[in-house]
Amino acid sequence: MADFRELKFKAVTALQRNVVNPLARRSKAQILLETTGRSSGRPRRTPVGGRKVGQEFWLVSEYGTKSQYVRNIQADPRVRVRIGGRWHRGTAHPLPEDDARARLRTLPRYNSAVVRAVGTQLLTVRVDLAD
């Protein structure tokens, strides 16, 4: 089972990195999470799905701490989120104690279905928005 999950992780992340993410970043409607690269110090923009609730933005990472953007958040929690074409500054918090599957039921349906289908280590992330 562990070998299958690792193979699935490698296949899906290669597809996301090389095909899906470059196309999604071009869409003005796509929500983007901008972190600071933990090694490079450069901005890293990742298409994500989630929902703004008040002054918080919620998302679920399909690979938890294996996701590069989660690892960047752990190194520097200051992020920006582009929602509806507008950038918001914020502070991200991985929440391993949160029930990620239950959280997905509160987020946009299509993205949540994809995260459930490809995810191997679900992790909720809350971004406290500053503006």
N, C-alpha and C. Protein backbone atom coordinates (compact mmCIF):
# COMPACT_ATOMS: atom_id res chain seq x y z
N MET A 1 0.82 -1.20 0.00
CA MET A 1 0.00 0.00 0.00
C MET A 1 0.86 1.26 0.00
N ALA A 2 1.92 1.27 0.81
CA ALA A 2 2.79 2.44 0.87
C ALA A 2 3.46 2.70 -0.48
N ASP A 3 3.82 1.63 -1.19
CA ASP A 3 4.44 1.79 -2.51
C ASP A 3 3.45 2.41 -3.49
N PHE A 4 2.17 1.98 -3.43
CA PHE A 4 1.15 2.54 -4.31
C PHE A 4 0.96 4.03 -4.02
N ARG A 5 0.90 4.39 -2.75
CA ARG A 5 0.72 5.81 -2.39
C ARG A 5 1.89 6.66 -2.87
N GLU A 6 3.11 6.13 -2.76
CA GLU A 6 4.28 6.88 -3.23
C GLU A 6 4.25 7.03 -4.75
N LEU A 7 3.89 5.99 -5.45
CA LEU A 7 3.78 6.04 -6.91
C LEU A 7 2.69 7.02 -7.33
N LYS A 8 1.56 6.99 -6.64
CA LYS A 8 0.46 7.91 -6.90
C LYS A 8 0.91 9.35 -6.66
N PHE A 9 1.60 9.58 -5.56
CA PHE A 9 2.12 10.91 -5.23
C PHE A 9 3.02 11.42 -6.35
N LYS A 10 3.97 10.60 -6.78
CA LYS A 10 4.92 11.02 -7.82
C LYS A 10 4.22 11.30 -9.14
N ALA A 11 3.29 10.45 -9.52
CA ALA A 11 2.58 10.62 -10.79
C ALA A 11 1.72 11.89 -10.78
N VAL A 12 0.95 12.07 -9.72
CA VAL A 12 0.04 13.22 -9.64
C VAL A 12 0.83 14.52 -9.52
N THR A 13 1.87 14.55 -8.70
CA THR A 13 2.63 15.79 -8.55
C THR A 13 3.36 16.15 -9.84
N ALA A 14 3.83 15.17 -10.59
CA ALA A 14 4.47 15.46 -11.88
C ALA A 14 3.46 16.07 -12.84
N LEU A 15 2.25 15.51 -12.89
CA LEU A 15 1.19 16.05 -13.75
C LEU A 15 0.82 17.47 -13.31
N GLN A 16 0.67 17.67 -12.00
CA GLN A 16 0.32 19.01 -11.50
C GLN A 16 1.42 20.01 -11.82
N ARG A 17 2.66 19.66 -11.53
CA ARG A 17 3.80 20.57 -11.71
C ARG A 17 4.00 20.96 -13.17
N ASN A 18 3.85 19.98 -14.07
CA ASN A 18 4.20 20.22 -15.47
C ASN A 18 3.05 20.60 -16.38
N VAL A 19 1.82 20.28 -15.99
CA VAL A 19 0.68 20.55 -16.88
C VAL A 19 -0.39 21.41 -16.20
N VAL A 20 -0.96 20.89 -15.12
CA VAL A 20 -2.11 21.54 -14.50
C VAL A 20 -1.77 22.91 -13.93
N ASN A 21 -0.76 22.99 -13.08
CA ASN A 21 -0.44 24.25 -12.41
C ASN A 21 -0.05 25.37 -13.37
N PRO A 22 0.82 25.13 -14.36
CA PRO A 22 1.14 26.23 -15.29
C PRO A 22 -0.10 26.78 -16.01
N LEU A 23 -1.03 25.91 -16.38
CA LEU A 23 -2.27 26.37 -17.03
C LEU A 23 -3.16 27.10 -16.03
N ALA A 24 -3.31 26.56 -14.84
CA ALA A 24 -4.20 27.15 -13.84
C ALA A 24 -3.71 28.54 -13.40
N ARG A 25 -2.40 28.72 -13.29
CA ARG A 25 -1.85 30.02 -12.86
C ARG A 25 -2.25 31.15 -13.80
N ARG A 26 -2.52 30.82 -15.05
CA ARG A 26 -2.87 31.84 -16.05
C ARG A 26 -4.31 32.32 -15.91
N SER A 27 -5.15 31.54 -15.28
CA SER A 27 -6.56 31.89 -15.14
C SER A 27 -6.74 32.93 -14.04
N LYS A 28 -7.41 34.01 -14.37
CA LYS A 28 -7.67 35.06 -13.39
C LYS A 28 -8.63 34.58 -12.30
N ALA A 29 -9.45 33.57 -12.62
CA ALA A 29 -10.42 33.06 -11.64
C ALA A 29 -9.80 32.09 -10.65
N GLN A 30 -8.64 31.54 -10.97
CA GLN A 30 -8.01 30.54 -10.10
C GLN A 30 -7.48 31.17 -8.82
N ILE A 31 -7.76 30.54 -7.69
CA ILE A 31 -7.19 30.98 -6.41
C ILE A 31 -5.73 30.54 -6.39
N LEU A 32 -4.85 31.46 -6.01
CA LEU A 32 -3.43 31.16 -5.90
C LEU A 32 -2.96 31.38 -4.47
N LEU A 33 -2.10 30.49 -4.00
CA LEU A 33 -1.44 30.64 -2.70
C LEU A 33 0.01 30.95 -2.99
N GLU A 34 0.48 32.09 -2.51
CA GLU A 34 1.88 32.46 -2.71
C GLU A 34 2.64 32.30 -1.40
N THR A 35 3.64 31.43 -1.43
CA THR A 35 4.53 31.22 -0.29
C THR A 35 5.91 31.71 -0.68
N THR A 36 6.82 31.72 0.28
CA THR A 36 8.21 32.05 0.01
C THR A 36 9.00 30.75 0.02
N GLY A 37 9.73 30.49 -1.07
CA GLY A 37 10.52 29.26 -1.16
C GLY A 37 11.49 29.17 0.00
N ARG A 38 11.47 28.06 0.70
CA ARG A 38 12.30 27.91 1.90
C ARG A 38 13.79 27.87 1.58
N SER A 39 14.17 27.46 0.39
CA SER A 39 15.59 27.44 0.00
C SER A 39 15.95 28.63 -0.85
N SER A 40 15.08 28.94 -1.82
CA SER A 40 15.39 30.00 -2.79
C SER A 40 15.05 31.40 -2.27
N GLY A 41 14.05 31.49 -1.40
CA GLY A 41 13.59 32.81 -0.95
C GLY A 41 12.71 33.50 -1.98
N ARG A 42 12.41 32.81 -3.08
CA ARG A 42 11.61 33.38 -4.16
C ARG A 42 10.13 33.08 -3.95
N PRO A 43 9.26 33.95 -4.48
CA PRO A 43 7.82 33.68 -4.38
C PRO A 43 7.46 32.41 -5.16
N ARG A 44 6.60 31.58 -4.56
CA ARG A 44 6.13 30.35 -5.19
C ARG A 44 4.61 30.39 -5.21
N ARG A 45 4.03 30.35 -6.38
CA ARG A 45 2.57 30.44 -6.52
C ARG A 45 1.99 29.09 -6.89
N THR A 46 1.06 28.64 -6.06
CA THR A 46 0.43 27.34 -6.23
C THR A 46 -1.07 27.50 -6.38
N PRO A 47 -1.67 26.97 -7.44
CA PRO A 47 -3.12 26.97 -7.54
C PRO A 47 -3.72 26.08 -6.45
N VAL A 48 -4.72 26.59 -5.76
CA VAL A 48 -5.37 25.84 -4.70
C VAL A 48 -6.88 26.04 -4.81
N GLY A 49 -7.60 25.19 -4.13
CA GLY A 49 -9.04 25.37 -3.98
C GLY A 49 -9.32 25.58 -2.52
N GLY A 50 -10.33 26.35 -2.24
CA GLY A 50 -10.67 26.61 -0.85
C GLY A 50 -11.78 27.62 -0.78
N ARG A 51 -11.97 28.16 0.40
CA ARG A 51 -13.06 29.11 0.60
C ARG A 51 -12.67 30.15 1.65
N LYS A 52 -13.03 31.39 1.34
CA LYS A 52 -12.86 32.49 2.29
C LYS A 52 -14.10 32.51 3.18
N VAL A 53 -13.87 32.53 4.49
CA VAL A 53 -14.94 32.62 5.48
C VAL A 53 -14.55 33.76 6.42
N GLY A 54 -15.22 34.88 6.30
CA GLY A 54 -14.84 36.05 7.09
C GLY A 54 -13.43 36.48 6.73
N GLN A 55 -12.55 36.56 7.72
CA GLN A 55 -11.16 36.95 7.50
C GLN A 55 -10.22 35.74 7.50
N GLU A 56 -10.77 34.58 7.16
CA GLU A 56 -9.96 33.35 7.08
C GLU A 56 -10.16 32.72 5.71
N PHE A 57 -9.10 32.07 5.22
CA PHE A 57 -9.19 31.28 4.00
C PHE A 57 -8.82 29.85 4.38
N TRP A 58 -9.66 28.91 4.01
CA TRP A 58 -9.48 27.50 4.37
C TRP A 58 -9.19 26.68 3.12
N LEU A 59 -8.25 25.74 3.23
CA LEU A 59 -7.95 24.81 2.16
C LEU A 59 -7.47 23.50 2.76
N VAL A 60 -7.45 22.47 1.94
CA VAL A 60 -6.92 21.17 2.37
C VAL A 60 -5.85 20.76 1.38
N SER A 61 -4.66 20.49 1.91
CA SER A 61 -3.55 20.00 1.11
C SER A 61 -3.70 18.49 0.94
N GLU A 62 -3.58 18.03 -0.31
CA GLU A 62 -3.75 16.60 -0.56
C GLU A 62 -2.57 15.76 -0.10
N TYR A 63 -1.40 16.37 0.07
CA TYR A 63 -0.22 15.61 0.48
C TYR A 63 0.38 16.09 1.79
N GLY A 64 -0.35 16.90 2.52
CA GLY A 64 0.10 17.32 3.84
C GLY A 64 1.51 17.88 3.83
N THR A 65 2.33 17.41 4.74
CA THR A 65 3.69 17.95 4.88
C THR A 65 4.62 17.53 3.75
N LYS A 66 4.15 16.70 2.82
CA LYS A 66 4.94 16.39 1.63
C LYS A 66 4.75 17.46 0.56
N SER A 67 3.68 18.27 0.68
CA SER A 67 3.44 19.34 -0.29
C SER A 67 4.50 20.42 -0.12
N GLN A 68 5.05 20.85 -1.22
CA GLN A 68 6.09 21.88 -1.16
C GLN A 68 5.56 23.16 -0.52
N TYR A 69 4.32 23.55 -0.85
CA TYR A 69 3.82 24.79 -0.27
C TYR A 69 3.61 24.66 1.24
N VAL A 70 3.27 23.48 1.73
CA VAL A 70 3.14 23.29 3.19
C VAL A 70 4.53 23.38 3.83
N ARG A 71 5.52 22.78 3.21
CA ARG A 71 6.88 22.87 3.74
C ARG A 71 7.36 24.32 3.75
N ASN A 72 7.00 25.10 2.72
CA ASN A 72 7.34 26.52 2.71
C ASN A 72 6.64 27.27 3.84
N ILE A 73 5.38 26.94 4.08
CA ILE A 73 4.62 27.56 5.18
C ILE A 73 5.27 27.25 6.52
N GLN A 74 5.72 26.02 6.70
CA GLN A 74 6.37 25.65 7.95
C GLN A 74 7.63 26.48 8.18
N ALA A 75 8.33 26.83 7.10
CA ALA A 75 9.54 27.64 7.22
C ALA A 75 9.22 29.12 7.39
N ASP A 76 8.14 29.59 6.76
CA ASP A 76 7.74 31.00 6.83
C ASP A 76 6.23 31.06 6.59
N PRO A 77 5.44 31.27 7.63
CA PRO A 77 3.98 31.23 7.49
C PRO A 77 3.36 32.46 6.81
N ARG A 78 4.17 33.48 6.51
CA ARG A 78 3.61 34.66 5.84
C ARG A 78 3.34 34.30 4.37
N VAL A 79 2.08 34.50 3.95
CA VAL A 79 1.66 34.13 2.61
C VAL A 79 0.81 35.24 2.00
N ARG A 80 0.51 35.05 0.74
CA ARG A 80 -0.52 35.86 0.07
C ARG A 80 -1.46 34.89 -0.62
N VAL A 81 -2.74 35.28 -0.71
CA VAL A 81 -3.75 34.47 -1.38
C VAL A 81 -4.46 35.37 -2.38
N ARG A 82 -4.54 34.91 -3.65
CA ARG A 82 -5.29 35.66 -4.66
C ARG A 82 -6.67 35.04 -4.77
N ILE A 83 -7.66 35.82 -4.39
CA ILE A 83 -9.06 35.39 -4.41
C ILE A 83 -9.84 36.39 -5.26
N GLY A 84 -10.50 35.90 -6.29
CA GLY A 84 -11.28 36.80 -7.14
C GLY A 84 -10.43 37.87 -7.79
N GLY A 85 -9.18 37.55 -8.09
CA GLY A 85 -8.28 38.49 -8.75
C GLY A 85 -7.62 39.49 -7.81
N ARG A 86 -7.92 39.43 -6.52
CA ARG A 86 -7.34 40.36 -5.54
C ARG A 86 -6.43 39.62 -4.58
N TRP A 87 -5.25 40.21 -4.33
CA TRP A 87 -4.28 39.60 -3.41
C TRP A 87 -4.56 40.03 -1.97
N HIS A 88 -4.45 39.06 -1.06
CA HIS A 88 -4.63 39.29 0.38
C HIS A 88 -3.39 38.76 1.10
N ARG A 89 -2.83 39.54 2.01
CA ARG A 89 -1.74 39.06 2.85
C ARG A 89 -2.33 38.26 4.00
N GLY A 90 -1.54 37.31 4.51
CA GLY A 90 -2.03 36.53 5.63
C GLY A 90 -0.97 35.67 6.26
N THR A 91 -1.37 34.97 7.29
CA THR A 91 -0.50 34.04 8.00
C THR A 91 -1.15 32.66 7.95
N ALA A 92 -0.41 31.68 7.45
CA ALA A 92 -0.94 30.33 7.27
C ALA A 92 -0.64 29.45 8.47
N HIS A 93 -1.59 28.58 8.78
CA HIS A 93 -1.45 27.67 9.91
C HIS A 93 -1.87 26.26 9.49
N PRO A 94 -0.93 25.32 9.35
CA PRO A 94 -1.33 23.93 9.15
C PRO A 94 -2.03 23.44 10.42
N LEU A 95 -3.12 22.71 10.26
CA LEU A 95 -3.92 22.27 11.40
C LEU A 95 -4.09 20.75 11.37
N PRO A 96 -3.07 20.01 11.80
CA PRO A 96 -3.17 18.55 11.76
C PRO A 96 -4.29 17.99 12.65
N GLU A 97 -4.72 18.75 13.65
CA GLU A 97 -5.78 18.28 14.54
C GLU A 97 -7.18 18.42 13.92
N ASP A 98 -7.29 19.20 12.83
CA ASP A 98 -8.58 19.39 12.17
C ASP A 98 -8.93 18.15 11.35
N ASP A 99 -10.20 17.82 11.26
CA ASP A 99 -10.66 16.70 10.45
C ASP A 99 -10.73 17.17 8.99
N ALA A 100 -9.69 16.86 8.21
CA ALA A 100 -9.58 17.35 6.84
C ALA A 100 -10.71 16.84 5.95
N ARG A 101 -11.15 15.61 6.16
CA ARG A 101 -12.25 15.07 5.35
C ARG A 101 -13.55 15.84 5.64
N ALA A 102 -13.80 16.13 6.89
CA ALA A 102 -14.98 16.93 7.24
C ALA A 102 -14.83 18.34 6.69
N ARG A 103 -13.64 18.89 6.74
CA ARG A 103 -13.39 20.24 6.21
C ARG A 103 -13.69 20.29 4.72
N LEU A 104 -13.30 19.25 3.99
CA LEU A 104 -13.55 19.22 2.54
C LEU A 104 -15.04 19.34 2.22
N ARG A 105 -15.89 18.86 3.10
CA ARG A 105 -17.34 18.95 2.88
C ARG A 105 -17.83 20.39 2.95
N THR A 106 -17.04 21.30 3.50
CA THR A 106 -17.43 22.71 3.60
C THR A 106 -16.80 23.56 2.50
N LEU A 107 -15.97 22.95 1.68
CA LEU A 107 -15.24 23.67 0.63
C LEU A 107 -15.85 23.38 -0.73
N PRO A 108 -15.45 24.12 -1.78
CA PRO A 108 -16.03 23.89 -3.11
C PRO A 108 -15.97 22.42 -3.53
N ARG A 109 -17.09 21.94 -4.03
CA ARG A 109 -17.31 20.52 -4.29
C ARG A 109 -16.32 19.90 -5.27
N TYR A 110 -16.09 20.54 -6.42
CA TYR A 110 -15.23 19.93 -7.45
C TYR A 110 -13.80 19.75 -6.93
N ASN A 111 -13.23 20.83 -6.38
CA ASN A 111 -11.87 20.75 -5.87
C ASN A 111 -11.77 19.72 -4.75
N SER A 112 -12.78 19.70 -3.88
CA SER A 112 -12.76 18.74 -2.77
C SER A 112 -12.78 17.30 -3.27
N ALA A 113 -13.53 17.05 -4.35
CA ALA A 113 -13.58 15.70 -4.92
C ALA A 113 -12.22 15.29 -5.46
N VAL A 114 -11.53 16.22 -6.11
CA VAL A 114 -10.20 15.94 -6.65
C VAL A 114 -9.21 15.68 -5.51
N VAL A 115 -9.24 16.51 -4.48
CA VAL A 115 -8.34 16.35 -3.34
C VAL A 115 -8.57 14.99 -2.68
N ARG A 116 -9.83 14.62 -2.48
CA ARG A 116 -10.13 13.30 -1.90
C ARG A 116 -9.63 12.17 -2.79
N ALA A 117 -9.78 12.33 -4.11
CA ALA A 117 -9.41 11.26 -5.05
C ALA A 117 -7.90 11.06 -5.13
N VAL A 118 -7.12 12.14 -5.14
CA VAL A 118 -5.68 12.00 -5.34
C VAL A 118 -4.88 12.07 -4.05
N GLY A 119 -5.49 12.59 -3.00
CA GLY A 119 -4.76 12.82 -1.75
C GLY A 119 -4.37 11.54 -1.02
N THR A 120 -3.23 11.61 -0.37
CA THR A 120 -2.75 10.48 0.42
C THR A 120 -2.48 10.88 1.87
N GLN A 121 -2.40 12.17 2.15
CA GLN A 121 -2.10 12.65 3.51
C GLN A 121 -2.78 14.01 3.67
N LEU A 122 -4.10 14.02 3.84
CA LEU A 122 -4.85 15.27 3.88
C LEU A 122 -4.47 16.11 5.11
N LEU A 123 -4.36 17.42 4.88
CA LEU A 123 -4.00 18.34 5.95
C LEU A 123 -4.73 19.66 5.74
N THR A 124 -5.49 20.08 6.74
CA THR A 124 -6.17 21.37 6.68
C THR A 124 -5.17 22.50 6.91
N VAL A 125 -5.34 23.59 6.14
CA VAL A 125 -4.54 24.80 6.33
C VAL A 125 -5.51 25.97 6.42
N ARG A 126 -5.34 26.79 7.47
CA ARG A 126 -6.13 28.01 7.63
C ARG A 126 -5.18 29.19 7.43
N VAL A 127 -5.64 30.16 6.64
CA VAL A 127 -4.87 31.39 6.46
C VAL A 127 -5.66 32.51 7.11
N ASP A 128 -5.06 33.15 8.10
CA ASP A 128 -5.67 34.32 8.74
C ASP A 128 -5.30 35.52 7.86
N LEU A 129 -6.31 36.12 7.23
CA LEU A 129 -6.09 37.22 6.29
C LEU A 129 -5.94 38.54 7.03
N ALA A 130 -4.97 39.32 6.59
CA ALA A 130 -4.69 40.61 7.23
C ALA A 130 -5.43 41.74 6.54
N ASP A 131 -5.80 41.55 5.31
CA ASP A 131 -6.51 42.61 4.56
C ASP A 131 -7.48 42.04 3.57
